[in-house]
Protein backbone atom coordinates (compact mmCIF):
# COMPACT_ATOMS: atom_id res chain seq x y z
CA MET A 1 0.05 -0.01 -0.08
CA SER A 2 1.27 3.41 -1.06
CA PHE A 3 1.94 6.19 1.66
CA SER A 4 -0.92 8.27 0.22
CA ARG A 5 -3.23 5.43 0.17
CA LEU A 6 -2.24 4.83 3.93
CA GLN A 7 -2.73 8.38 4.58
CA ASN A 8 -6.42 8.33 3.08
CA LEU A 9 -7.09 5.33 5.15
CA LEU A 10 -5.62 6.40 8.64
CA THR A 11 -7.82 9.53 9.19
CA VAL A 12 -9.77 10.09 12.40
CA PRO A 13 -13.29 9.22 10.80
CA ASN A 14 -11.91 6.02 9.35
CA LEU A 15 -10.01 5.00 12.63
CA LEU A 16 -13.45 5.43 14.29
CA SER A 17 -14.99 3.08 11.68
CA LEU A 18 -12.11 0.27 12.06
CA SER A 19 -12.64 0.71 15.80
CA ARG A 20 -15.80 -1.42 15.53
CA ILE A 21 -13.99 -4.38 14.35
CA PRO A 22 -12.24 -4.85 17.88
CA LEU A 23 -15.45 -3.62 19.53
CA GLY A 24 -17.00 -6.67 18.03
CA VAL A 25 -14.27 -8.92 19.24
CA ALA A 26 -14.74 -7.39 22.84
CA PHE A 27 -18.36 -8.09 22.53
CA TRP A 28 -17.80 -11.78 22.81
CA PHE A 29 -15.99 -11.41 26.07
CA THR A 30 -18.52 -8.98 27.92
CA LEU A 31 -21.70 -10.87 26.90
CA GLY A 32 -22.87 -12.71 29.93
CA PRO A 33 -24.69 -15.92 30.02
CA THR A 34 -27.89 -14.48 31.20
CA PRO A 35 -29.76 -11.04 30.51
CA SER A 36 -28.82 -10.01 33.87
CA LEU A 37 -25.06 -10.21 33.21
CA ALA A 38 -25.07 -7.91 29.94
CA TYR A 39 -24.42 -4.48 31.21
CA SER A 40 -20.90 -4.63 29.62
CA ALA A 41 -22.13 -5.76 26.34
CA PHE A 42 -24.77 -2.73 26.16
CA VAL A 43 -21.60 -0.44 26.87
CA ILE A 44 -19.84 -2.00 24.06
CA MET A 45 -22.91 -1.74 21.80
CA GLY A 46 -23.22 2.13 23.04
CA LEU A 47 -19.58 2.52 22.01
CA ALA A 48 -20.02 1.16 18.68
CA ALA A 49 -23.08 3.44 18.10
CA LEU A 50 -21.02 6.40 19.22
CA THR A 51 -18.24 5.67 16.84
CA ASP A 52 -20.83 5.47 14.00
CA VAL A 53 -22.24 8.93 14.82
CA LEU A 54 -18.81 10.41 15.22
CA ASP A 55 -17.18 9.04 12.06
CA GLY A 56 -20.04 10.48 9.88
CA TYR A 57 -19.86 13.96 11.79
CA LEU A 58 -16.00 14.05 11.36
CA ALA A 59 -16.27 13.03 7.77
CA ARG A 60 -18.74 15.57 6.91
CA ARG A 61 -16.58 18.30 8.57
CA GLU A 62 -13.67 17.32 6.75
CA ALA A 63 -15.40 17.41 3.35
CA ALA A 64 -16.87 20.66 4.32
CA ARG A 65 -13.32 22.15 5.12
CA ALA A 66 -12.30 20.91 1.89
CA ALA A 67 -15.15 22.24 -0.20
CA GLY A 68 -15.55 25.41 1.77
CA GLY A 69 -19.08 24.62 2.68
CA SER A 70 -20.71 23.37 5.95
CA ALA A 71 -20.75 19.99 7.68
CA GLN A 72 -24.52 19.82 7.35
CA THR A 73 -24.61 20.11 3.53
CA VAL A 74 -21.61 18.31 2.36
CA ASP A 75 -21.82 14.57 1.71
CA PRO A 76 -18.65 12.56 2.70
CA GLY A 77 -19.41 9.81 0.23
CA VAL A 78 -19.35 12.09 -2.79
CA GLY A 79 -16.37 11.27 -4.71
CA GLY A 80 -15.82 7.80 -3.63
CA GLY A 81 -13.81 8.50 -0.64
CA THR A 82 -12.38 5.73 1.56
CA GLY A 83 -14.82 6.36 4.21
CA ALA A 84 -17.79 5.84 1.83
CA TRP A 85 -17.06 2.02 1.53
CA LEU A 86 -15.38 1.60 4.90
CA ASP A 87 -18.07 2.63 7.22
CA PRO A 88 -21.00 0.23 6.06
CA ILE A 89 -18.35 -2.78 5.99
CA CYS A 90 -17.31 -2.00 9.64
CA ASP A 91 -20.95 -1.77 10.51
CA LYS A 92 -21.72 -5.28 9.01
CA LEU A 93 -18.59 -6.58 10.56
CA PHE A 94 -19.67 -5.46 13.89
CA VAL A 95 -23.22 -6.57 13.66
CA ALA A 96 -22.06 -10.28 12.31
CA SER A 97 -19.68 -10.58 15.22
CA VAL A 98 -22.48 -9.72 17.92
CA LEU A 99 -25.03 -12.03 16.49
CA VAL A 100 -22.49 -14.80 16.16
CA ALA A 101 -21.50 -14.16 19.93
CA ILE A 102 -25.39 -14.30 20.70
CA ILE A 103 -26.11 -17.63 18.92
CA VAL A 104 -23.11 -19.18 20.59
CA ARG A 105 -23.79 -17.90 24.10
CA ARG A 106 -27.74 -17.56 24.13
CA HIS A 107 -28.93 -20.04 21.46
CA PRO A 108 -31.75 -17.80 20.15
CA PRO A 109 -34.05 -19.37 17.33
CA LEU A 110 -32.06 -18.94 14.06
CA TRP A 111 -35.00 -17.50 12.20
CA LEU A 112 -35.05 -14.47 14.56
CA VAL A 113 -31.37 -14.10 13.72
CA ALA A 114 -32.09 -14.36 9.75
CA LEU A 115 -34.72 -11.69 10.06
CA ILE A 116 -32.46 -9.40 11.82
CA LEU A 117 -29.64 -10.18 9.18
CA SER A 118 -32.18 -10.32 6.10
CA ARG A 119 -30.23 -7.34 4.36
CA GLU A 120 -26.94 -8.94 4.72
CA LEU A 121 -28.09 -12.45 3.74
CA VAL A 122 -29.65 -11.10 0.49
CA GLN A 123 -26.98 -8.65 -0.23
CA LEU A 124 -24.13 -11.40 -0.13
CA PRO A 125 -24.86 -13.28 -3.03
CA ILE A 126 -25.73 -10.60 -4.91
CA GLY A 127 -22.44 -8.99 -4.41
CA VAL A 128 -20.60 -12.30 -5.32
CA LEU A 129 -22.66 -12.38 -8.58
CA TYR A 130 -21.45 -8.87 -9.37
CA ARG A 131 -18.01 -9.83 -8.65
CA PHE A 132 -17.76 -12.79 -10.80
CA TRP A 133 -20.18 -11.55 -13.66
CA PRO A 134 -18.52 -8.72 -15.64
CA ALA A 135 -21.57 -8.08 -17.65
CA LEU A 136 -23.21 -6.56 -14.68
CA HIS A 137 -20.55 -3.96 -14.38
CA SER A 138 -21.78 -2.28 -17.50
CA TRP A 139 -25.14 -1.08 -15.68
CA LEU A 140 -24.58 -1.60 -12.03
CA ARG A 141 -22.30 0.44 -9.92
CA TYR A 142 -22.22 0.28 -6.06
CA ASP A 143 -23.02 3.52 -3.96
CA PHE A 144 -21.46 3.12 -0.62
CA ARG A 145 -22.86 6.13 0.89
CA ALA A 146 -25.44 5.75 3.67
CA SER A 147 -29.08 6.43 2.80
CA PRO A 148 -31.64 7.34 5.73
CA LEU A 149 -33.38 3.79 5.00
CA GLY A 150 -29.91 2.44 5.47
CA LYS A 151 -29.17 4.20 8.97
CA GLY A 152 -32.92 3.39 9.79
CA ALA A 153 -32.07 -0.36 9.09
CA THR A 154 -28.99 -0.31 11.07
CA VAL A 155 -30.73 1.32 14.08
CA ALA A 156 -33.66 -1.39 13.86
CA GLN A 157 -30.88 -4.13 13.83
CA PHE A 158 -29.13 -2.59 17.00
CA THR A 159 -32.61 -2.53 18.68
CA ALA A 160 -33.44 -6.00 17.79
CA ILE A 161 -29.97 -7.12 18.99
CA ALA A 162 -30.47 -5.43 22.30
CA ALA A 163 -33.77 -7.26 22.65
CA LEU A 164 -32.24 -10.55 21.92
CA ILE A 165 -29.53 -9.73 24.69
CA ILE A 166 -31.90 -8.91 27.36
CA GLY A 167 -34.96 -11.29 26.14
CA HIS A 168 -37.35 -8.72 25.57
CA PRO A 169 -40.95 -9.88 24.90
CA TRP A 170 -41.34 -7.76 21.77
CA ILE A 171 -38.27 -9.39 20.25
CA ARG A 172 -40.45 -10.65 17.43
CA LEU A 173 -41.86 -7.42 16.41
CA PHE A 174 -38.09 -5.81 16.42
CA ALA A 175 -36.90 -8.70 14.38
CA PHE A 176 -39.67 -8.18 11.79
CA LEU A 177 -39.00 -4.31 11.74
CA SER A 178 -35.48 -5.08 11.17
CA PHE A 179 -36.28 -7.10 8.21
CA VAL A 180 -38.75 -4.85 6.62
CA LEU A 181 -36.47 -1.83 7.03
CA GLY A 182 -33.32 -3.78 5.86
CA ILE A 183 -35.11 -5.23 2.76
CA ALA A 184 -36.47 -1.62 2.13
CA ALA A 185 -32.78 -0.32 2.36
CA LEU A 186 -31.44 -2.96 0.15
CA VAL A 187 -34.00 -2.24 -2.64
CA ASP A 188 -33.05 1.47 -2.32
CA TYR A 189 -29.44 0.60 -2.43
CA PHE A 190 -29.81 -1.26 -5.64
CA ARG A 191 -32.21 1.22 -7.28
CA ARG A 192 -29.27 3.86 -6.69
CA ALA A 193 -26.66 1.39 -7.97
CA ILE A 194 -28.61 0.70 -11.24
CA ALA A 195 -29.40 4.62 -11.73
CA ILE A 196 -25.72 5.27 -11.51
CA GLY A 197 -24.72 2.28 -13.74
CA LYS A 198 -27.14 3.61 -16.47
CA THR A 199 -25.87 7.27 -16.28
CA ARG A 200 -22.29 6.13 -16.62
CA LEU A 201 -23.26 3.66 -19.56
CA SER A 202 -25.04 6.58 -21.25
CA SER A 203 -22.18 8.99 -20.83
CA GLU A 204 -19.75 6.30 -22.22
CA VAL A 205 -22.10 5.70 -25.16
CA ASN A 206 -22.24 9.74 -25.66
CA ARG A 207 -18.30 9.87 -25.55
CA ALA A 208 -18.01 7.08 -27.92
CA ARG A 209 -20.52 8.69 -30.53
CA GLY A 210 -18.51 12.03 -29.99
CA GLY A 211 -15.46 10.47 -30.83
CA GLN A 212 -16.38 9.14 -34.20
């Protein structure tokens, strides 16, 4: 990795995003065997949520400083920065680590876990297909920027996970809400990806015609 790429990776917002990976590992050691011994696990989840808020705020502030705007009006995902793809990946790794720990320590019904992870379970095979089917690249382009639906789905996941930890009686409702928002966010995600792909394909066609 070149020095410039390392510099782009090791920014404060990106380091905050990356911190969710060791926090996911720490969750394994703090999750107690019963709901009454889950306080430390909730602290870990709170820290992860805090890093998710802070990395977005600091990324917007850095982008605003570079563009001469305000942190509220600048989208850090514009331009394909490292944080645009790193943040959602770290989110997914943390959620996956937490859910695996809960499965191992608490043995919840697997269908509940599947509902909570529905977005990732659907997205994974599509991502693999995209990686190994070059024809998709002509009209589908990933857009890693977080959307309101995506953030809402992440909040719903965290709520459902918290309900799993404490054995809340409404866990089924929270899991179903996570499923609905997760699938809606995924549909919106692919809608944006298709729109970007079509725009780029149209631009390439127009450039090719202009060069004739």
